[in-house]
PDB file of N, CA and C in Angstrom:
ATOM      1  N   MET A   1      -6.310 -27.973  -6.002  1.00  0.00           N
ATOM      2  CA  MET A   1      -6.236 -28.464  -7.360  1.00  0.00           C
ATOM      3  C   MET A   1      -5.015 -27.844  -8.037  1.00  0.00           C
ATOM      4  N   ARG A   2      -4.383 -28.605  -8.908  1.00  0.00           N
ATOM      5  CA  ARG A   2      -3.164 -28.141  -9.586  1.00  0.00           C
ATOM      6  C   ARG A   2      -3.476 -27.043 -10.610  1.00  0.00           C
ATOM      7  N   GLU A   3      -2.494 -26.153 -10.764  1.00  0.00           N
ATOM      8  CA  GLU A   3      -2.640 -25.034 -11.707  1.00  0.00           C
ATOM      9  C   GLU A   3      -2.913 -25.533 -13.117  1.00  0.00           C
ATOM     10  N   LYS A   4      -2.209 -26.546 -13.548  1.00  0.00           N
ATOM     11  CA  LYS A   4      -2.349 -27.056 -14.914  1.00  0.00           C
ATOM     12  C   LYS A   4      -3.787 -27.491 -15.200  1.00  0.00           C
ATOM     13  N   VAL A   5      -4.418 -28.136 -14.248  1.00  0.00           N
ATOM     14  CA  VAL A   5      -5.794 -28.614 -14.420  1.00  0.00           C
ATOM     15  C   VAL A   5      -6.748 -27.426 -14.544  1.00  0.00           C
ATOM     16  N   ILE A   6      -6.575 -26.435 -13.684  1.00  0.00           N
ATOM     17  CA  ILE A   6      -7.427 -25.240 -13.723  1.00  0.00           C
ATOM     18  C   ILE A   6      -7.218 -24.489 -15.036  1.00  0.00           C
ATOM     19  N   GLU A   7      -5.968 -24.368 -15.462  1.00  0.00           N
ATOM     20  CA  GLU A   7      -5.672 -23.650 -16.702  1.00  0.00           C
ATOM     21  C   GLU A   7      -6.275 -24.365 -17.913  1.00  0.00           C
ATOM     22  N   GLN A   8      -6.171 -25.682 -17.963  1.00  0.00           N
ATOM     23  CA  GLN A   8      -6.761 -26.434 -19.077  1.00  0.00           C
ATOM     24  C   GLN A   8      -8.277 -26.248 -19.121  1.00  0.00           C
ATOM     25  N   TYR A   9      -8.908 -26.289 -17.966  1.00  0.00           N
ATOM     26  CA  TYR A   9     -10.355 -26.083 -17.880  1.00  0.00           C
ATOM     27  C   TYR A   9     -10.715 -24.673 -18.354  1.00  0.00           C
ATOM     28  N   PHE A  10      -9.959 -23.691 -17.895  1.00  0.00           N
ATOM     29  CA  PHE A  10     -10.188 -22.299 -18.269  1.00  0.00           C
ATOM     30  C   PHE A  10     -10.108 -22.118 -19.785  1.00  0.00           C
ATOM     31  N   VAL A  11      -9.062 -22.629 -20.386  1.00  0.00           N
ATOM     32  CA  VAL A  11      -8.872 -22.504 -21.834  1.00  0.00           C
ATOM     33  C   VAL A  11     -10.039 -23.165 -22.579  1.00  0.00           C
ATOM     34  N   ALA A  12     -10.463 -24.333 -22.130  1.00  0.00           N
ATOM     35  CA  ALA A  12     -11.574 -25.039 -22.773  1.00  0.00           C
ATOM     36  C   ALA A  12     -12.872 -24.236 -22.666  1.00  0.00           C
ATOM     37  N   GLU A  13     -13.112 -23.630 -21.511  1.00  0.00           N
ATOM     38  CA  GLU A  13     -14.333 -22.839 -21.320  1.00  0.00           C
ATOM     39  C   GLU A  13     -14.321 -21.576 -22.181  1.00  0.00           C
ATOM     40  N   VAL A  14     -13.170 -20.947 -22.309  1.00  0.00           N
ATOM     41  CA  VAL A  14     -13.049 -19.769 -23.174  1.00  0.00           C
ATOM     42  C   VAL A  14     -13.357 -20.162 -24.620  1.00  0.00           C
ATOM     43  N   LYS A  15     -12.825 -21.287 -25.059  1.00  0.00           N
ATOM     44  CA  LYS A  15     -13.089 -21.754 -26.428  1.00  0.00           C
ATOM     45  C   LYS A  15     -14.568 -22.025 -26.654  1.00  0.00           C
ATOM     46  N   LYS A  16     -15.250 -22.589 -25.653  1.00  0.00           N
ATOM     47  CA  LYS A  16     -16.686 -22.850 -25.770  1.00  0.00           C
ATOM     48  C   LYS A  16     -17.469 -21.572 -26.026  1.00  0.00           C
ATOM     49  N   LEU A  17     -16.955 -20.459 -25.508  1.00  0.00           N
ATOM     50  CA  LEU A  17     -17.611 -19.165 -25.691  1.00  0.00           C
ATOM     51  C   LEU A  17     -17.229 -18.494 -27.009  1.00  0.00           C
ATOM     52  N   GLY A  18     -16.408 -19.170 -27.806  1.00  0.00           N
ATOM     53  CA  GLY A  18     -15.971 -18.601 -29.077  1.00  0.00           C
ATOM     54  C   GLY A  18     -14.776 -17.683 -28.934  1.00  0.00           C
ATOM     55  N   GLY A  19     -14.086 -17.784 -27.804  1.00  0.00           N
ATOM     56  CA  GLY A  19     -12.953 -16.914 -27.549  1.00  0.00           C
ATOM     57  C   GLY A  19     -11.608 -17.601 -27.716  1.00  0.00           C
ATOM     58  N   ILE A  20     -10.569 -16.832 -27.439  1.00  0.00           N
ATOM     59  CA  ILE A  20      -9.184 -17.304 -27.545  1.00  0.00           C
ATOM     60  C   ILE A  20      -8.492 -16.973 -26.221  1.00  0.00           C
ATOM     61  N   ALA A  21      -7.746 -17.940 -25.697  1.00  0.00           N
ATOM     62  CA  ALA A  21      -6.974 -17.736 -24.468  1.00  0.00           C
ATOM     63  C   ALA A  21      -5.496 -17.859 -24.841  1.00  0.00           C
ATOM     64  N   LEU A  22      -4.908 -16.731 -25.220  1.00  0.00           N
ATOM     65  CA  LEU A  22      -3.516 -16.726 -25.665  1.00  0.00           C
ATOM     66  C   LEU A  22      -2.563 -16.909 -24.493  1.00  0.00           C
ATOM     67  N   LYS A  23      -1.614 -17.811 -24.633  1.00  0.00           N
ATOM     68  CA  LYS A  23      -0.574 -18.010 -23.616  1.00  0.00           C
ATOM     69  C   LYS A  23       0.461 -16.910 -23.787  1.00  0.00           C
ATOM     70  N   LEU A  24       0.772 -16.213 -22.701  1.00  0.00           N
ATOM     71  CA  LEU A  24       1.752 -15.132 -22.758  1.00  0.00           C
ATOM     72  C   LEU A  24       3.110 -15.639 -22.287  1.00  0.00           C
ATOM     73  N   ASN A  25       4.078 -15.570 -23.166  1.00  0.00           N
ATOM     74  CA  ASN A  25       5.460 -15.918 -22.841  1.00  0.00           C
ATOM     75  C   ASN A  25       6.322 -14.751 -23.278  1.00  0.00           C
ATOM     76  N   SER A  26       7.011 -14.145 -22.325  1.00  0.00           N
ATOM     77  CA  SER A  26       7.837 -13.003 -22.666  1.00  0.00           C
ATOM     78  C   SER A  26       9.234 -13.175 -22.103  1.00  0.00           C
ATOM     79  N   THR A  27      10.209 -12.977 -22.958  1.00  0.00           N
ATOM     80  CA  THR A  27      11.594 -13.007 -22.497  1.00  0.00           C
ATOM     81  C   THR A  27      12.051 -11.622 -22.063  1.00  0.00           C
ATOM     82  N   SER A  28      11.252 -10.603 -22.383  1.00  0.00           N
ATOM     83  CA  SER A  28      11.660  -9.236 -22.077  1.00  0.00           C
ATOM     84  C   SER A  28      10.960  -8.642 -20.848  1.00  0.00           C
ATOM     85  N   MET A  29       9.942  -9.346 -20.329  1.00  0.00           N
ATOM     86  CA  MET A  29       9.204  -8.804 -19.189  1.00  0.00           C
ATOM     87  C   MET A  29       8.724  -9.930 -18.295  1.00  0.00           C
ATOM     88  N   LYS A  30       9.195  -9.960 -17.086  1.00  0.00           N
ATOM     89  CA  LYS A  30       8.761 -10.976 -16.127  1.00  0.00           C
ATOM     90  C   LYS A  30       7.503 -10.501 -15.418  1.00  0.00           C
ATOM     91  N   GLY A  31       6.737 -11.454 -14.891  1.00  0.00           N
ATOM     92  CA  GLY A  31       5.554 -11.126 -14.108  1.00  0.00           C
ATOM     93  C   GLY A  31       4.274 -10.980 -14.905  1.00  0.00           C
ATOM     94  N   LEU A  32       4.356 -11.190 -16.233  1.00  0.00           N
ATOM     95  CA  LEU A  32       3.136 -11.108 -17.034  1.00  0.00           C
ATOM     96  C   LEU A  32       2.167 -12.206 -16.630  1.00  0.00           C
ATOM     97  N   PRO A  33       0.866 -11.950 -16.772  1.00  0.00           N
ATOM     98  CA  PRO A  33      -0.114 -12.993 -16.476  1.00  0.00           C
ATOM     99  C   PRO A  33       0.010 -14.155 -17.457  1.00  0.00           C
ATOM    100  N   ASP A  34      -0.572 -15.293 -17.085  1.00  0.00           N
ATOM    101  CA  ASP A  34      -0.496 -16.494 -17.914  1.00  0.00           C
ATOM    102  C   ASP A  34      -1.198 -16.348 -19.260  1.00  0.00           C
ATOM    103  N   ARG A  35      -2.356 -15.716 -19.250  1.00  0.00           N
ATOM    104  CA  ARG A  35      -3.208 -15.699 -20.446  1.00  0.00           C
ATOM    105  C   ARG A  35      -3.769 -14.312 -20.753  1.00  0.00           C
ATOM    106  N   LEU A  36      -3.882 -14.029 -22.048  1.00  0.00           N
ATOM    107  CA  LEU A  36      -4.607 -12.873 -22.570  1.00  0.00           C
ATOM    108  C   LEU A  36      -5.881 -13.441 -23.183  1.00  0.00           C
ATOM    109  N   ILE A  37      -7.021 -13.020 -22.687  1.00  0.00           N
ATOM    110  CA  ILE A  37      -8.296 -13.582 -23.114  1.00  0.00           C
ATOM    111  C   ILE A  37      -8.988 -12.619 -24.079  1.00  0.00           C
ATOM    112  N   LEU A  38      -9.380 -13.157 -25.215  1.00  0.00           N
ATOM    113  CA  LEU A  38     -10.114 -12.409 -26.237  1.00  0.00           C
ATOM    114  C   LEU A  38     -11.459 -13.096 -26.426  1.00  0.00           C
ATOM    115  N   LEU A  39     -12.533 -12.382 -26.115  1.00  0.00           N
ATOM    116  CA  LEU A  39     -13.883 -12.932 -26.239  1.00  0.00           C
ATOM    117  C   LEU A  39     -14.672 -12.148 -27.276  1.00  0.00           C
ATOM    118  N   PRO A  40     -15.789 -12.713 -27.748  1.00  0.00           N
ATOM    119  CA  PRO A  40     -16.629 -11.987 -28.699  1.00  0.00           C
ATOM    120  C   PRO A  40     -17.009 -10.596 -28.178  1.00  0.00           C
ATOM    121  N   ASN A  41     -17.325  -9.725 -29.100  1.00  0.00           N
ATOM    122  CA  ASN A  41     -17.741  -8.347 -28.822  1.00  0.00           C
ATOM    123  C   ASN A  41     -16.613  -7.485 -28.271  1.00  0.00           C
ATOM    124  N   GLY A  42     -15.372  -7.844 -28.591  1.00  0.00           N
ATOM    125  CA  GLY A  42     -14.237  -7.017 -28.211  1.00  0.00           C
ATOM    126  C   GLY A  42     -13.847  -7.081 -26.746  1.00  0.00           C
ATOM    127  N   VAL A  43     -14.257  -8.123 -26.046  1.00  0.00           N
ATOM    128  CA  VAL A  43     -13.895  -8.276 -24.633  1.00  0.00           C
ATOM    129  C   VAL A  43     -12.456  -8.775 -24.541  1.00  0.00           C
ATOM    130  N   LEU A  44     -11.663  -8.093 -23.720  1.00  0.00           N
ATOM    131  CA  LEU A  44     -10.258  -8.434 -23.530  1.00  0.00           C
ATOM    132  C   LEU A  44      -9.927  -8.325 -22.050  1.00  0.00           C
ATOM    133  N   PHE A  45      -9.275  -9.364 -21.509  1.00  0.00           N
ATOM    134  CA  PHE A  45      -8.788  -9.283 -20.140  1.00  0.00           C
ATOM    135  C   PHE A  45      -7.628 -10.253 -19.947  1.00  0.00           C
ATOM    136  N   PHE A  46      -6.932 -10.092 -18.841  1.00  0.00           N
ATOM    137  CA  PHE A  46      -5.788 -10.931 -18.506  1.00  0.00           C
ATOM    138  C   PHE A  46      -6.165 -11.875 -17.375  1.00  0.00           C
ATOM    139  N   ALA A  47      -5.551 -13.067 -17.380  1.00  0.00           N
ATOM    140  CA  ALA A  47      -5.808 -14.037 -16.313  1.00  0.00           C
ATOM    141  C   ALA A  47      -4.504 -14.688 -15.875  1.00  0.00           C
ATOM    142  N   GLU A  48      -4.322 -14.752 -14.587  1.00  0.00           N
ATOM    143  CA  GLU A  48      -3.219 -15.487 -13.970  1.00  0.00           C
ATOM    144  C   GLU A  48      -3.845 -16.687 -13.276  1.00  0.00           C
ATOM    145  N   LEU A  49      -3.462 -17.884 -13.700  1.00  0.00           N
ATOM    146  CA  LEU A  49      -4.000 -19.103 -13.136  1.00  0.00           C
ATOM    147  C   LEU A  49      -3.060 -19.622 -12.059  1.00  0.00           C
ATOM    148  N   LYS A  50      -3.637 -20.053 -10.939  1.00  0.00           N
ATOM    149  CA  LYS A  50      -2.864 -20.541  -9.803  1.00  0.00           C
ATOM    150  C   LYS A  50      -3.454 -21.849  -9.299  1.00  0.00           C
ATOM    151  N   ALA A  51      -2.620 -22.628  -8.628  1.00  0.00           N
ATOM    152  CA  ALA A  51      -3.126 -23.795  -7.919  1.00  0.00           C
ATOM    153  C   ALA A  51      -4.044 -23.294  -6.807  1.00  0.00           C
ATOM    154  N   THR A  52      -5.007 -24.099  -6.421  1.00  0.00           N
ATOM    155  CA  THR A  52      -5.960 -23.701  -5.396  1.00  0.00           C
ATOM    156  C   THR A  52      -5.236 -23.240  -4.134  1.00  0.00           C
ATOM    157  N   GLY A  53      -5.610 -22.048  -3.665  1.00  0.00           N
ATOM    158  CA  GLY A  53      -5.036 -21.490  -2.453  1.00  0.00           C
ATOM    159  C   GLY A  53      -3.772 -20.676  -2.657  1.00  0.00           C
ATOM    160  N   LYS A  54      -3.192 -20.715  -3.848  1.00  0.00           N
ATOM    161  CA  LYS A  54      -1.972 -19.952  -4.116  1.00  0.00           C
ATOM    162  C   LYS A  54      -2.337 -18.526  -4.509  1.00  0.00           C
ATOM    163  N   LYS A  55      -1.450 -17.600  -4.225  1.00  0.00           N
ATOM    164  CA  LYS A  55      -1.661 -16.186  -4.518  1.00  0.00           C
ATOM    165  C   LYS A  55      -0.625 -15.686  -5.522  1.00  0.00           C
ATOM    166  N   ALA A  56      -0.894 -14.539  -6.101  1.00  0.00           N
ATOM    167  CA  ALA A  56       0.050 -13.914  -7.030  1.00  0.00           C
ATOM    168  C   ALA A  56       1.319 -13.511  -6.277  1.00  0.00           C
ATOM    169  N   ARG A  57       2.451 -13.647  -6.957  1.00  0.00           N
ATOM    170  CA  ARG A  57       3.738 -13.235  -6.386  1.00  0.00           C
ATOM    171  C   ARG A  57       3.829 -11.699  -6.413  1.00  0.00           C
ATOM    172  N   PRO A  58       4.753 -11.119  -5.625  1.00  0.00           N
ATOM    173  CA  PRO A  58       4.875  -9.656  -5.594  1.00  0.00           C
ATOM    174  C   PRO A  58       5.070  -9.022  -6.973  1.00  0.00           C
ATOM    175  N   LEU A  59       5.898  -9.603  -7.820  1.00  0.00           N
ATOM    176  CA  LEU A  59       6.091  -9.029  -9.155  1.00  0.00           C
ATOM    177  C   LEU A  59       4.797  -9.102  -9.963  1.00  0.00           C
ATOM    178  N   GLN A  60       4.058 -10.200  -9.835  1.00  0.00           N
ATOM    179  CA  GLN A  60       2.779 -10.317 -10.537  1.00  0.00           C
ATOM    180  C   GLN A  60       1.782  -9.278 -10.026  1.00  0.00           C
ATOM    181  N   LYS A  61       1.790  -9.020  -8.729  1.00  0.00           N
ATOM    182  CA  LYS A  61       0.909  -7.989  -8.168  1.00  0.00           C
ATOM    183  C   LYS A  61       1.273  -6.606  -8.706  1.00  0.00           C
ATOM    184  N   PHE A  62       2.562  -6.364  -8.878  1.00  0.00           N
ATOM    185  CA  PHE A  62       3.030  -5.094  -9.442  1.00  0.00           C
ATOM    186  C   PHE A  62       2.519  -4.935 -10.879  1.00  0.00           C
ATOM    187  N   ILE A  63       2.647  -5.990 -11.678  1.00  0.00           N
ATOM    188  CA  ILE A  63       2.174  -5.957 -13.071  1.00  0.00           C
ATOM    189  C   ILE A  63       0.654  -5.807 -13.092  1.00  0.00           C
ATOM    190  N   LEU A  64      -0.042  -6.503 -12.195  1.00  0.00           N
ATOM    191  CA  LEU A  64      -1.495  -6.373 -12.083  1.00  0.00           C
ATOM    192  C   LEU A  64      -1.883  -4.918 -11.890  1.00  0.00           C
ATOM    193  N   LYS A  65      -1.208  -4.244 -10.976  1.00  0.00           N
ATOM    194  CA  LYS A  65      -1.502  -2.842 -10.708  1.00  0.00           C
ATOM    195  C   LYS A  65      -1.281  -1.993 -11.959  1.00  0.00           C
ATOM    196  N   LYS A  66      -0.183  -2.236 -12.671  1.00  0.00           N
ATOM    197  CA  LYS A  66       0.107  -1.471 -13.896  1.00  0.00           C
ATOM    198  C   LYS A  66      -0.965  -1.699 -14.959  1.00  0.00           C
ATOM    199  N   LEU A  67      -1.373  -2.950 -15.149  1.00  0.00           N
ATOM    200  CA  LEU A  67      -2.408  -3.264 -16.135  1.00  0.00           C
ATOM    201  C   LEU A  67      -3.728  -2.589 -15.764  1.00  0.00           C
ATOM    202  N   GLN A  68      -4.053  -2.620 -14.477  1.00  0.00           N
ATOM    203  CA  GLN A  68      -5.294  -1.981 -14.036  1.00  0.00           C
ATOM    204  C   GLN A  68      -5.223  -0.462 -14.214  1.00  0.00           C
ATOM    205  N   GLU A  69      -4.056   0.130 -13.980  1.00  0.00           N
ATOM    206  CA  GLU A  69      -3.889   1.578 -14.195  1.00  0.00           C
ATOM    207  C   GLU A  69      -4.094   1.941 -15.661  1.00  0.00           C
ATOM    208  N   LEU A  70      -3.786   1.007 -16.548  1.00  0.00           N
ATOM    209  CA  LEU A  70      -3.983   1.228 -17.978  1.00  0.00           C
ATOM    210  C   LEU A  70      -5.425   0.949 -18.422  1.00  0.00           C
ATOM    211  N   GLY A  71      -6.259   0.491 -17.480  1.00  0.00           N
ATOM    212  CA  GLY A  71      -7.666   0.262 -17.779  1.00  0.00           C
ATOM    213  C   GLY A  71      -8.029  -1.162 -18.147  1.00  0.00           C
ATOM    214  N   PHE A  72      -7.112  -2.112 -17.973  1.00  0.00           N
ATOM    215  CA  PHE A  72      -7.389  -3.511 -18.308  1.00  0.00           C
ATOM    216  C   PHE A  72      -7.873  -4.283 -17.086  1.00  0.00           C
ATOM    217  N   SER A  73      -8.702  -5.271 -17.331  1.00  0.00           N
ATOM    218  CA  SER A  73      -9.143  -6.167 -16.261  1.00  0.00           C
ATOM    219  C   SER A  73      -8.149  -7.308 -16.128  1.00  0.00           C
ATOM    220  N   PHE A  74      -7.966  -7.767 -14.901  1.00  0.00           N
ATOM    221  CA  PHE A  74      -6.971  -8.791 -14.590  1.00  0.00           C
ATOM    222  C   PHE A  74      -7.545  -9.654 -13.475  1.00  0.00           C
ATOM    223  N   TYR A  75      -7.509 -10.957 -13.654  1.00  0.00           N
ATOM    224  CA  TYR A  75      -8.041 -11.873 -12.654  1.00  0.00           C
ATOM    225  C   TYR A  75      -6.978 -12.878 -12.242  1.00  0.00           C
ATOM    226  N   VAL A  76      -6.908 -13.156 -10.947  1.00  0.00           N
ATOM    227  CA  VAL A  76      -6.107 -14.262 -10.432  1.00  0.00           C
ATOM    228  C   VAL A  76      -7.114 -15.351 -10.089  1.00  0.00           C
ATOM    229  N   ILE A  77      -7.018 -16.473 -10.780  1.00  0.00           N
ATOM    230  CA  ILE A  77      -8.015 -17.539 -10.686  1.00  0.00           C
ATOM    231  C   ILE A  77      -7.358 -18.789 -10.114  1.00  0.00           C
ATOM    232  N   ASP A  78      -7.950 -19.328  -9.021  1.00  0.00           N
ATOM    233  CA  ASP A  78      -7.366 -20.521  -8.408  1.00  0.00           C
ATOM    234  C   ASP A  78      -8.365 -21.664  -8.204  1.00  0.00           C
ATOM    235  N   SER A  79      -9.500 -21.599  -8.912  1.00  0.00           N
ATOM    236  CA  SER A  79     -10.474 -22.690  -8.802  1.00  0.00           C
ATOM    237  C   SER A  79     -11.367 -22.723 -10.039  1.00  0.00           C
ATOM    238  N   MET A  80     -12.004 -23.851 -10.243  1.00  0.00           N
ATOM    239  CA  MET A  80     -12.934 -23.972 -11.363  1.00  0.00           C
ATOM    240  C   MET A  80     -14.160 -23.092 -11.137  1.00  0.00           C
ATOM    241  N   GLU A  81     -14.544 -22.911  -9.873  1.00  0.00           N
ATOM    242  CA  GLU A  81     -15.668 -22.027  -9.566  1.00  0.00           C
ATOM    243  C   GLU A  81     -15.355 -20.592  -9.993  1.00  0.00           C
ATOM    244  N   GLN A  82     -14.119 -20.158  -9.751  1.00  0.00           N
ATOM    245  CA  GLN A  82     -13.727 -18.806 -10.171  1.00  0.00           C
ATOM    246  C   GLN A  82     -13.722 -18.684 -11.690  1.00  0.00           C
ATOM    247  N   VAL A  83     -13.321 -19.729 -12.388  1.00  0.00           N
ATOM    248  CA  VAL A  83     -13.370 -19.722 -13.856  1.00  0.00           C
ATOM    249  C   VAL A  83     -14.796 -19.403 -14.290  1.00  0.00           C
ATOM    250  N   LYS A  84     -15.754 -20.130 -13.736  1.00  0.00           N
ATOM    251  CA  LYS A  84     -17.161 -19.929 -14.096  1.00  0.00           C
ATOM    252  C   LYS A  84     -17.623 -18.517 -13.758  1.00  0.00           C
ATOM    253  N   GLU A  85     -17.262 -18.037 -12.561  1.00  0.00           N
ATOM    254  CA  GLU A  85     -17.675 -16.695 -12.137  1.00  0.00           C
ATOM    255  C   GLU A  85     -17.135 -15.609 -13.060  1.00  0.00           C
ATOM    256  N   VAL A  86     -15.858 -15.702 -13.391  1.00  0.00           N
ATOM    257  CA  VAL A  86     -15.245 -14.678 -14.242  1.00  0.00           C
ATOM    258  C   VAL A  86     -15.903 -14.677 -15.617  1.00  0.00           C
ATOM    259  N   LEU A  87     -16.046 -15.833 -16.224  1.00  0.00           N
ATOM    260  CA  LEU A  87     -16.622 -15.888 -17.565  1.00  0.00           C
ATOM    261  C   LEU A  87     -18.093 -15.493 -17.570  1.00  0.00           C
ATOM    262  N   GLN A  88     -18.836 -15.879 -16.537  1.00  0.00           N
ATOM    263  CA  GLN A  88     -20.257 -15.493 -16.452  1.00  0.00           C
ATOM    264  C   GLN A  88     -20.407 -13.990 -16.272  1.00  0.00           C
ATOM    265  N   SER A  89     -19.431 -13.350 -15.652  1.00  0.00           N
ATOM    266  CA  SER A  89     -19.517 -11.907 -15.418  1.00  0.00           C
ATOM    267  C   SER A  89     -19.537 -11.116 -16.732  1.00  0.00           C
ATOM    268  N   TYR A  90     -19.074 -11.736 -17.813  1.00  0.00           N
ATOM    269  CA  TYR A  90     -19.092 -11.071 -19.119  1.00  0.00           C
ATOM    270  C   TYR A  90     -20.369 -11.353 -19.893  1.00  0.00           C
ATOM    271  N   GLY A  91     -21.237 -12.209 -19.361  1.00  0.00           N
ATOM    272  CA  GLY A  91     -22.546 -12.436 -19.949  1.00  0.00           C
ATOM    273  C   GLY A  91     -22.534 -12.954 -21.370  1.00  0.00           C
ATOM    274  N   ILE A  92     -21.513 -13.718 -21.685  1.00  0.00           N
ATOM    275  CA  ILE A  92     -21.424 -14.242 -23.055  1.00  0.00           C
ATOM    276  C   ILE A  92     -21.930 -15.664 -23.083  1.00  0.00           C
TER     277      ILE A  92
END
């Protein structure tokens, strides 16, 4: 499945939960994840959306490691099933 379709579904599901899926665009830092997710009760995490079967690039993996070292959660999502799993894991 194409990345755009998965990303649109993800954003819609976040909104259904009362959250915001901010698109991250940075001219000063490459490799940032696609979205910063803000959910009720102060839940915050990052998401990189990919076409089905695609993996994070080396620079994205480097940024993932840095974000995790700072204590943030980061998900690479490549299917609608993963969208459901990630959002359900927060129990909202």
